[in-house]
Amino acid sequence: MTLESTPGCILVSVAVLSKAYRIGELATLTGLTPDALRFYERQGLLDRPARTPGRFRIYELAAVERIRFIKRAQALGFTLAEIQELVRFNGKGGLPRCRRVRDLLKRQLAELDTKLAELSTLRETLKDTLTACECAIDTKDASACPVIELKNK
């Protein structure tokens, strides 16, 4: 009897169940390239993995979690340098870590607020330009296209 024919049995990739991953397996699991993983190692974002006798990198399950953390931090707008700093706090709790994370989050929020204000201004400019275009089209005045006129000024 095989696993495929066992009632209620679900097959899971051997790579996902194992506790150690070669670089290609880790890349597939995390959606990164092997080059990106090597870069993260050089930058100190990932711990240096153990090596097999044949010098292949062997990553532990903790590397998958670290990469998930890195991706979440990047999605929040943190730079790799900031993520590297946060990674150095790993295992070291306390107020200094909380304060630093708070400061980074405050900075991210301030930058986001600035970008939102800039985008709002751009939106209004685009709306006004579109209204002027619609007006030119409605009056069939092709010689007064507001976009072309803006470019020539």
N, C-alpha and C. Protein backbone atom coordinates (compact mmCIF):
# COMPACT_ATOMS: atom_id res chain seq x y z
N MET A 1 0.84 -1.18 0.00
CA MET A 1 0.00 0.00 0.00
C MET A 1 0.89 1.24 0.00
N THR A 2 0.48 2.26 -0.77
CA THR A 2 1.24 3.51 -0.81
C THR A 2 0.49 4.58 -0.07
N LEU A 3 1.17 5.68 0.18
CA LEU A 3 0.52 6.79 0.86
C LEU A 3 -0.63 7.36 0.05
N GLU A 4 -0.49 7.35 -1.27
CA GLU A 4 -1.54 7.93 -2.11
C GLU A 4 -2.87 7.22 -1.92
N SER A 5 -2.83 5.91 -1.61
CA SER A 5 -4.09 5.17 -1.51
C SER A 5 -4.60 5.04 -0.08
N THR A 6 -3.86 5.58 0.89
CA THR A 6 -4.28 5.51 2.27
C THR A 6 -5.37 6.55 2.52
N PRO A 7 -6.55 6.13 3.00
CA PRO A 7 -7.64 7.09 3.24
C PRO A 7 -7.22 8.18 4.23
N GLY A 8 -7.54 9.42 3.88
CA GLY A 8 -7.26 10.54 4.77
C GLY A 8 -5.81 10.96 4.81
N CYS A 9 -4.97 10.38 4.02
CA CYS A 9 -3.55 10.73 4.03
C CYS A 9 -3.29 11.88 3.07
N ILE A 10 -2.57 12.87 3.52
CA ILE A 10 -2.23 14.01 2.68
C ILE A 10 -0.72 13.99 2.47
N LEU A 11 -0.31 14.09 1.21
CA LEU A 11 1.11 14.10 0.91
C LEU A 11 1.65 15.51 1.08
N VAL A 12 2.79 15.61 1.70
CA VAL A 12 3.46 16.89 1.88
C VAL A 12 4.87 16.71 1.37
N SER A 13 5.39 17.73 0.71
CA SER A 13 6.74 17.66 0.18
C SER A 13 7.74 17.30 1.28
N VAL A 14 8.66 16.41 0.94
CA VAL A 14 9.69 16.01 1.90
C VAL A 14 10.50 17.22 2.34
N ALA A 15 10.74 18.17 1.43
CA ALA A 15 11.53 19.36 1.77
C ALA A 15 10.85 20.18 2.86
N VAL A 16 9.51 20.24 2.84
CA VAL A 16 8.80 21.04 3.83
C VAL A 16 8.85 20.37 5.20
N LEU A 17 8.83 19.03 5.23
CA LEU A 17 8.85 18.33 6.50
C LEU A 17 10.24 18.28 7.13
N SER A 18 11.26 18.35 6.31
CA SER A 18 12.61 18.21 6.84
C SER A 18 12.99 19.45 7.64
N LYS A 19 13.97 19.27 8.52
CA LYS A 19 14.43 20.37 9.36
C LYS A 19 15.61 21.10 8.74
N ALA A 20 16.15 20.58 7.66
CA ALA A 20 17.30 21.20 7.02
C ALA A 20 17.04 21.32 5.52
N TYR A 21 17.47 22.43 4.96
CA TYR A 21 17.19 22.70 3.55
C TYR A 21 18.48 23.10 2.84
N ARG A 22 18.64 22.59 1.64
CA ARG A 22 19.71 23.09 0.79
C ARG A 22 19.27 24.44 0.26
N ILE A 23 20.19 25.19 -0.29
CA ILE A 23 19.89 26.56 -0.71
C ILE A 23 18.77 26.62 -1.76
N GLY A 24 18.76 25.69 -2.69
CA GLY A 24 17.71 25.67 -3.70
C GLY A 24 16.34 25.39 -3.11
N GLU A 25 16.29 24.50 -2.13
CA GLU A 25 15.03 24.19 -1.45
C GLU A 25 14.53 25.39 -0.67
N LEU A 26 15.45 26.04 0.03
CA LEU A 26 15.07 27.23 0.80
C LEU A 26 14.60 28.34 -0.15
N ALA A 27 15.27 28.48 -1.26
CA ALA A 27 14.87 29.50 -2.25
C ALA A 27 13.45 29.21 -2.73
N THR A 28 13.16 27.97 -3.06
CA THR A 28 11.82 27.60 -3.53
C THR A 28 10.78 27.85 -2.45
N LEU A 29 11.10 27.47 -1.21
CA LEU A 29 10.16 27.65 -0.10
C LEU A 29 9.84 29.11 0.17
N THR A 30 10.82 29.97 0.00
CA THR A 30 10.66 31.38 0.40
C THR A 30 10.38 32.32 -0.76
N GLY A 31 10.53 31.83 -1.99
CA GLY A 31 10.31 32.71 -3.14
C GLY A 31 11.49 33.61 -3.44
N LEU A 32 12.62 33.35 -2.82
CA LEU A 32 13.84 34.12 -3.11
C LEU A 32 14.73 33.31 -4.04
N THR A 33 15.73 33.95 -4.57
CA THR A 33 16.71 33.24 -5.39
C THR A 33 17.88 32.81 -4.49
N PRO A 34 18.63 31.80 -4.92
CA PRO A 34 19.82 31.44 -4.15
C PRO A 34 20.78 32.62 -4.00
N ASP A 35 20.88 33.45 -5.04
CA ASP A 35 21.75 34.63 -4.93
C ASP A 35 21.26 35.58 -3.84
N ALA A 36 19.95 35.77 -3.73
CA ALA A 36 19.41 36.64 -2.68
C ALA A 36 19.72 36.06 -1.31
N LEU A 37 19.62 34.76 -1.17
CA LEU A 37 19.94 34.12 0.11
C LEU A 37 21.40 34.32 0.48
N ARG A 38 22.27 34.16 -0.50
CA ARG A 38 23.70 34.39 -0.25
C ARG A 38 23.96 35.84 0.14
N PHE A 39 23.27 36.76 -0.54
CA PHE A 39 23.39 38.19 -0.22
C PHE A 39 22.94 38.44 1.22
N TYR A 40 21.81 37.87 1.62
CA TYR A 40 21.32 38.04 2.98
C TYR A 40 22.34 37.51 3.99
N GLU A 41 23.00 36.42 3.66
CA GLU A 41 24.05 35.90 4.54
C GLU A 41 25.19 36.90 4.68
N ARG A 42 25.66 37.40 3.53
CA ARG A 42 26.78 38.35 3.56
C ARG A 42 26.42 39.60 4.35
N GLN A 43 25.15 40.01 4.30
CA GLN A 43 24.71 41.21 5.00
C GLN A 43 24.41 40.97 6.48
N GLY A 44 24.47 39.72 6.91
CA GLY A 44 24.19 39.40 8.30
C GLY A 44 22.72 39.27 8.61
N LEU A 45 21.89 39.24 7.58
CA LEU A 45 20.45 39.08 7.80
C LEU A 45 20.10 37.63 8.11
N LEU A 46 20.85 36.72 7.54
CA LEU A 46 20.70 35.29 7.80
C LEU A 46 21.97 34.79 8.46
N ASP A 47 21.81 33.92 9.43
CA ASP A 47 22.98 33.30 10.03
C ASP A 47 23.68 32.44 9.00
N ARG A 48 24.99 32.32 9.12
CA ARG A 48 25.74 31.44 8.23
C ARG A 48 25.29 30.01 8.50
N PRO A 49 24.90 29.31 7.46
CA PRO A 49 24.40 27.95 7.66
C PRO A 49 25.53 26.94 7.85
N ALA A 50 25.17 25.81 8.40
CA ALA A 50 26.13 24.71 8.49
C ALA A 50 26.41 24.22 7.07
N ARG A 51 27.46 23.48 6.92
CA ARG A 51 27.83 22.95 5.61
C ARG A 51 27.93 21.43 5.68
N THR A 52 27.58 20.80 4.59
CA THR A 52 27.76 19.36 4.48
C THR A 52 29.24 19.09 4.21
N PRO A 53 29.66 17.84 4.30
CA PRO A 53 31.05 17.53 3.93
C PRO A 53 31.38 17.96 2.50
N GLY A 54 30.37 17.99 1.64
CA GLY A 54 30.57 18.45 0.26
C GLY A 54 30.48 19.97 0.12
N ARG A 55 30.39 20.70 1.24
CA ARG A 55 30.36 22.17 1.31
C ARG A 55 29.03 22.78 0.86
N PHE A 56 27.96 21.97 0.80
CA PHE A 56 26.64 22.53 0.51
C PHE A 56 26.10 23.20 1.76
N ARG A 57 25.44 24.32 1.56
CA ARG A 57 24.81 25.01 2.68
C ARG A 57 23.59 24.19 3.13
N ILE A 58 23.43 24.09 4.45
CA ILE A 58 22.27 23.43 5.02
C ILE A 58 21.62 24.41 6.00
N TYR A 59 20.42 24.86 5.65
CA TYR A 59 19.69 25.85 6.46
C TYR A 59 18.71 25.14 7.38
N GLU A 60 18.57 25.68 8.56
CA GLU A 60 17.59 25.16 9.52
C GLU A 60 16.23 25.82 9.27
N LEU A 61 15.21 25.28 9.90
CA LEU A 61 13.86 25.83 9.78
C LEU A 61 13.82 27.29 10.22
N ALA A 62 14.68 27.67 11.15
CA ALA A 62 14.73 29.06 11.62
C ALA A 62 15.01 30.03 10.48
N ALA A 63 15.73 29.58 9.45
CA ALA A 63 16.02 30.46 8.31
C ALA A 63 14.74 30.82 7.57
N VAL A 64 13.81 29.89 7.49
CA VAL A 64 12.52 30.17 6.82
C VAL A 64 11.79 31.26 7.59
N GLU A 65 11.76 31.13 8.92
CA GLU A 65 11.09 32.14 9.74
C GLU A 65 11.79 33.49 9.64
N ARG A 66 13.11 33.50 9.60
CA ARG A 66 13.86 34.75 9.47
C ARG A 66 13.52 35.43 8.15
N ILE A 67 13.44 34.66 7.08
CA ILE A 67 13.12 35.23 5.77
C ILE A 67 11.70 35.79 5.76
N ARG A 68 10.78 35.10 6.41
CA ARG A 68 9.41 35.64 6.53
C ARG A 68 9.42 36.96 7.27
N PHE A 69 10.22 37.05 8.33
CA PHE A 69 10.34 38.30 9.08
C PHE A 69 10.90 39.40 8.18
N ILE A 70 11.95 39.08 7.43
CA ILE A 70 12.57 40.06 6.54
C ILE A 70 11.57 40.56 5.52
N LYS A 71 10.81 39.66 4.93
CA LYS A 71 9.81 40.06 3.93
C LYS A 71 8.72 40.93 4.54
N ARG A 72 8.27 40.58 5.75
CA ARG A 72 7.25 41.42 6.42
C ARG A 72 7.81 42.80 6.70
N ALA A 73 9.04 42.86 7.17
CA ALA A 73 9.67 44.15 7.48
C ALA A 73 9.83 44.98 6.21
N GLN A 74 10.23 44.34 5.11
CA GLN A 74 10.35 45.07 3.84
C GLN A 74 8.99 45.58 3.39
N ALA A 75 7.94 44.79 3.57
CA ALA A 75 6.60 45.22 3.20
C ALA A 75 6.16 46.44 4.01
N LEU A 76 6.69 46.58 5.20
CA LEU A 76 6.39 47.75 6.03
C LEU A 76 7.26 48.94 5.66
N GLY A 77 8.18 48.74 4.74
CA GLY A 77 9.01 49.84 4.27
C GLY A 77 10.37 49.94 4.92
N PHE A 78 10.74 48.99 5.75
CA PHE A 78 12.05 49.03 6.37
C PHE A 78 13.13 48.72 5.34
N THR A 79 14.25 49.39 5.48
CA THR A 79 15.40 49.12 4.61
C THR A 79 16.12 47.87 5.12
N LEU A 80 16.96 47.31 4.27
CA LEU A 80 17.73 46.15 4.71
C LEU A 80 18.65 46.50 5.87
N ALA A 81 19.18 47.71 5.88
CA ALA A 81 20.03 48.13 7.01
C ALA A 81 19.23 48.16 8.31
N GLU A 82 18.00 48.65 8.25
CA GLU A 82 17.16 48.68 9.45
C GLU A 82 16.78 47.27 9.88
N ILE A 83 16.50 46.42 8.91
CA ILE A 83 16.16 45.03 9.22
C ILE A 83 17.37 44.34 9.85
N GLN A 84 18.54 44.64 9.33
CA GLN A 84 19.77 44.08 9.90
C GLN A 84 19.91 44.48 11.36
N GLU A 85 19.61 45.72 11.65
CA GLU A 85 19.66 46.20 13.02
C GLU A 85 18.65 45.45 13.90
N LEU A 86 17.44 45.26 13.38
CA LEU A 86 16.42 44.54 14.14
C LEU A 86 16.83 43.09 14.37
N VAL A 87 17.44 42.49 13.37
CA VAL A 87 17.88 41.11 13.48
C VAL A 87 18.93 40.96 14.58
N ARG A 88 19.76 41.96 14.75
CA ARG A 88 20.79 41.91 15.80
C ARG A 88 20.16 41.85 17.19
N PHE A 89 18.93 42.33 17.31
CA PHE A 89 18.22 42.28 18.59
C PHE A 89 17.68 40.89 18.88
N ASN A 90 17.73 39.99 17.92
CA ASN A 90 17.15 38.66 18.07
C ASN A 90 17.61 38.01 19.37
N GLY A 91 16.64 37.61 20.18
CA GLY A 91 16.96 36.97 21.45
C GLY A 91 17.26 37.95 22.57
N LYS A 92 17.33 39.22 22.25
CA LYS A 92 17.61 40.25 23.26
C LYS A 92 16.38 41.13 23.38
N GLY A 93 15.59 40.89 24.37
CA GLY A 93 14.38 41.68 24.55
C GLY A 93 14.65 42.95 25.30
N GLY A 94 13.61 43.47 25.86
CA GLY A 94 13.76 44.62 26.73
C GLY A 94 13.37 45.93 26.07
N LEU A 95 13.47 46.96 26.86
CA LEU A 95 13.06 48.29 26.43
C LEU A 95 13.89 48.87 25.30
N PRO A 96 15.20 48.67 25.26
CA PRO A 96 15.95 49.25 24.14
C PRO A 96 15.44 48.75 22.78
N ARG A 97 15.13 47.47 22.69
CA ARG A 97 14.61 46.94 21.44
C ARG A 97 13.24 47.54 21.13
N CYS A 98 12.37 47.58 22.12
CA CYS A 98 11.03 48.13 21.90
C CYS A 98 11.10 49.60 21.48
N ARG A 99 11.98 50.36 22.13
CA ARG A 99 12.12 51.78 21.77
C ARG A 99 12.61 51.94 20.34
N ARG A 100 13.59 51.13 19.96
CA ARG A 100 14.14 51.24 18.60
C ARG A 100 13.08 50.87 17.57
N VAL A 101 12.34 49.82 17.82
CA VAL A 101 11.26 49.43 16.89
C VAL A 101 10.22 50.53 16.82
N ARG A 102 9.86 51.10 17.96
CA ARG A 102 8.90 52.20 17.99
C ARG A 102 9.40 53.39 17.17
N ASP A 103 10.67 53.73 17.33
CA ASP A 103 11.24 54.85 16.59
C ASP A 103 11.23 54.59 15.08
N LEU A 104 11.55 53.37 14.70
CA LEU A 104 11.52 53.02 13.27
C LEU A 104 10.09 53.09 12.72
N LEU A 105 9.14 52.61 13.50
CA LEU A 105 7.74 52.66 13.06
C LEU A 105 7.24 54.10 12.95
N LYS A 106 7.62 54.95 13.90
CA LYS A 106 7.24 56.36 13.83
C LYS A 106 7.80 57.01 12.57
N ARG A 107 9.05 56.70 12.25
CA ARG A 107 9.67 57.26 11.05
C ARG A 107 8.95 56.77 9.80
N GLN A 108 8.62 55.47 9.78
CA GLN A 108 7.90 54.92 8.63
C GLN A 108 6.55 55.61 8.46
N LEU A 109 5.84 55.83 9.56
CA LEU A 109 4.54 56.51 9.49
C LEU A 109 4.68 57.94 8.98
N ALA A 110 5.70 58.65 9.46
CA ALA A 110 5.92 60.02 9.00
C ALA A 110 6.22 60.06 7.50
N GLU A 111 7.04 59.12 7.04
CA GLU A 111 7.36 59.06 5.61
C GLU A 111 6.11 58.72 4.80
N LEU A 112 5.30 57.81 5.31
CA LEU A 112 4.07 57.44 4.61
C LEU A 112 3.11 58.62 4.55
N ASP A 113 3.00 59.38 5.64
CA ASP A 113 2.14 60.56 5.64
C ASP A 113 2.60 61.57 4.60
N THR A 114 3.91 61.76 4.48
CA THR A 114 4.46 62.67 3.48
C THR A 114 4.12 62.20 2.07
N LYS A 115 4.32 60.91 1.83
CA LYS A 115 4.00 60.34 0.51
C LYS A 115 2.52 60.47 0.19
N LEU A 116 1.67 60.23 1.19
CA LEU A 116 0.23 60.36 0.97
C LEU A 116 -0.15 61.79 0.62
N ALA A 117 0.46 62.76 1.28
CA ALA A 117 0.18 64.17 0.97
C ALA A 117 0.63 64.49 -0.45
N GLU A 118 1.81 63.99 -0.84
CA GLU A 118 2.30 64.22 -2.20
C GLU A 118 1.38 63.56 -3.23
N LEU A 119 0.94 62.35 -2.93
CA LEU A 119 0.02 61.65 -3.85
C LEU A 119 -1.32 62.36 -3.95
N SER A 120 -1.78 62.91 -2.85
CA SER A 120 -3.04 63.65 -2.86
C SER A 120 -2.93 64.89 -3.75
N THR A 121 -1.80 65.59 -3.65
CA THR A 121 -1.56 66.76 -4.50
C THR A 121 -1.49 66.35 -5.96
N LEU A 122 -0.80 65.26 -6.24
CA LEU A 122 -0.71 64.76 -7.62
C LEU A 122 -2.08 64.37 -8.14
N ARG A 123 -2.89 63.74 -7.30
CA ARG A 123 -4.24 63.35 -7.70
C ARG A 123 -5.07 64.56 -8.10
N GLU A 124 -4.99 65.61 -7.30
CA GLU A 124 -5.74 66.83 -7.61
C GLU A 124 -5.27 67.44 -8.93
N THR A 125 -3.97 67.46 -9.16
CA THR A 125 -3.43 67.99 -10.41
C THR A 125 -3.94 67.18 -11.59
N LEU A 126 -3.91 65.86 -11.46
CA LEU A 126 -4.40 65.00 -12.54
C LEU A 126 -5.90 65.20 -12.78
N LYS A 127 -6.67 65.33 -11.69
CA LYS A 127 -8.11 65.58 -11.83
C LYS A 127 -8.37 66.89 -12.57
N ASP A 128 -7.65 67.93 -12.19
CA ASP A 128 -7.82 69.23 -12.84
C ASP A 128 -7.45 69.16 -14.32
N THR A 129 -6.37 68.46 -14.63
CA THR A 129 -5.94 68.33 -16.02
C THR A 129 -6.95 67.52 -16.81
N LEU A 130 -7.48 66.46 -16.23
CA LEU A 130 -8.50 65.66 -16.90
C LEU A 130 -9.75 66.48 -17.16
N THR A 131 -10.15 67.29 -16.20
CA THR A 131 -11.32 68.15 -16.38
C THR A 131 -11.09 69.12 -17.54
N ALA A 132 -9.89 69.69 -17.61
CA ALA A 132 -9.57 70.60 -18.71
C ALA A 132 -9.58 69.87 -20.05
N CYS A 133 -9.09 68.63 -20.07
CA CYS A 133 -9.13 67.83 -21.30
C CYS A 133 -10.56 67.57 -21.73
N GLU A 134 -11.38 67.17 -20.78
CA GLU A 134 -12.79 66.91 -21.08
C GLU A 134 -13.47 68.16 -21.63
N CYS A 135 -13.12 69.29 -21.07
CA CYS A 135 -13.69 70.55 -21.52
C CYS A 135 -13.27 70.85 -22.96
N ALA A 136 -12.00 70.63 -23.26
CA ALA A 136 -11.50 70.87 -24.62
C ALA A 136 -12.18 69.94 -25.61
N ILE A 137 -12.39 68.69 -25.21
CA ILE A 137 -13.05 67.73 -26.10
C ILE A 137 -14.51 68.09 -26.28
N ASP A 138 -15.18 68.49 -25.20
CA ASP A 138 -16.59 68.87 -25.28
C ASP A 138 -16.81 70.07 -26.20
N THR A 139 -15.86 71.01 -26.20
CA THR A 139 -15.99 72.20 -27.04
C THR A 139 -15.37 71.99 -28.42
N LYS A 140 -14.85 70.75 -28.62
CA LYS A 140 -14.23 70.38 -29.90
C LYS A 140 -13.09 71.34 -30.28
N ASP A 141 -12.39 71.79 -29.27
CA ASP A 141 -11.26 72.69 -29.47
C ASP A 141 -9.95 71.90 -29.36
N ALA A 142 -9.62 71.18 -30.44
CA ALA A 142 -8.45 70.31 -30.45
C ALA A 142 -7.15 71.10 -30.36
N SER A 143 -7.18 72.38 -30.70
CA SER A 143 -5.95 73.17 -30.67
C SER A 143 -5.57 73.57 -29.24
N ALA A 144 -6.49 73.39 -28.30
CA ALA A 144 -6.23 73.83 -26.93
C ALA A 144 -6.15 72.66 -25.96
N CYS A 145 -5.44 71.63 -26.36
CA CYS A 145 -5.28 70.49 -25.44
C CYS A 145 -4.46 70.94 -24.23
N PRO A 146 -5.02 70.84 -23.03
CA PRO A 146 -4.35 71.38 -21.85
C PRO A 146 -3.05 70.61 -21.51
N VAL A 147 -2.96 69.37 -21.89
CA VAL A 147 -1.74 68.61 -21.59
C VAL A 147 -0.61 69.09 -22.48
N ILE A 148 -0.91 69.26 -23.75
CA ILE A 148 0.10 69.74 -24.69
C ILE A 148 0.50 71.17 -24.34
N GLU A 149 -0.47 71.96 -23.99
CA GLU A 149 -0.20 73.36 -23.62
C GLU A 149 0.70 73.43 -22.38
N LEU A 150 0.48 72.52 -21.42
CA LEU A 150 1.31 72.50 -20.22
C LEU A 150 2.76 72.13 -20.56
N LYS A 151 2.92 71.21 -21.53
CA LYS A 151 4.26 70.78 -21.90
C LYS A 151 5.05 71.91 -22.56
N ASN A 152 4.37 72.74 -23.34
CA ASN A 152 5.04 73.79 -24.08
C ASN A 152 5.36 75.01 -23.21
N LYS A 153 4.81 75.09 -22.05
CA LYS A 153 5.03 76.27 -21.21
C LYS A 153 6.33 76.18 -20.48
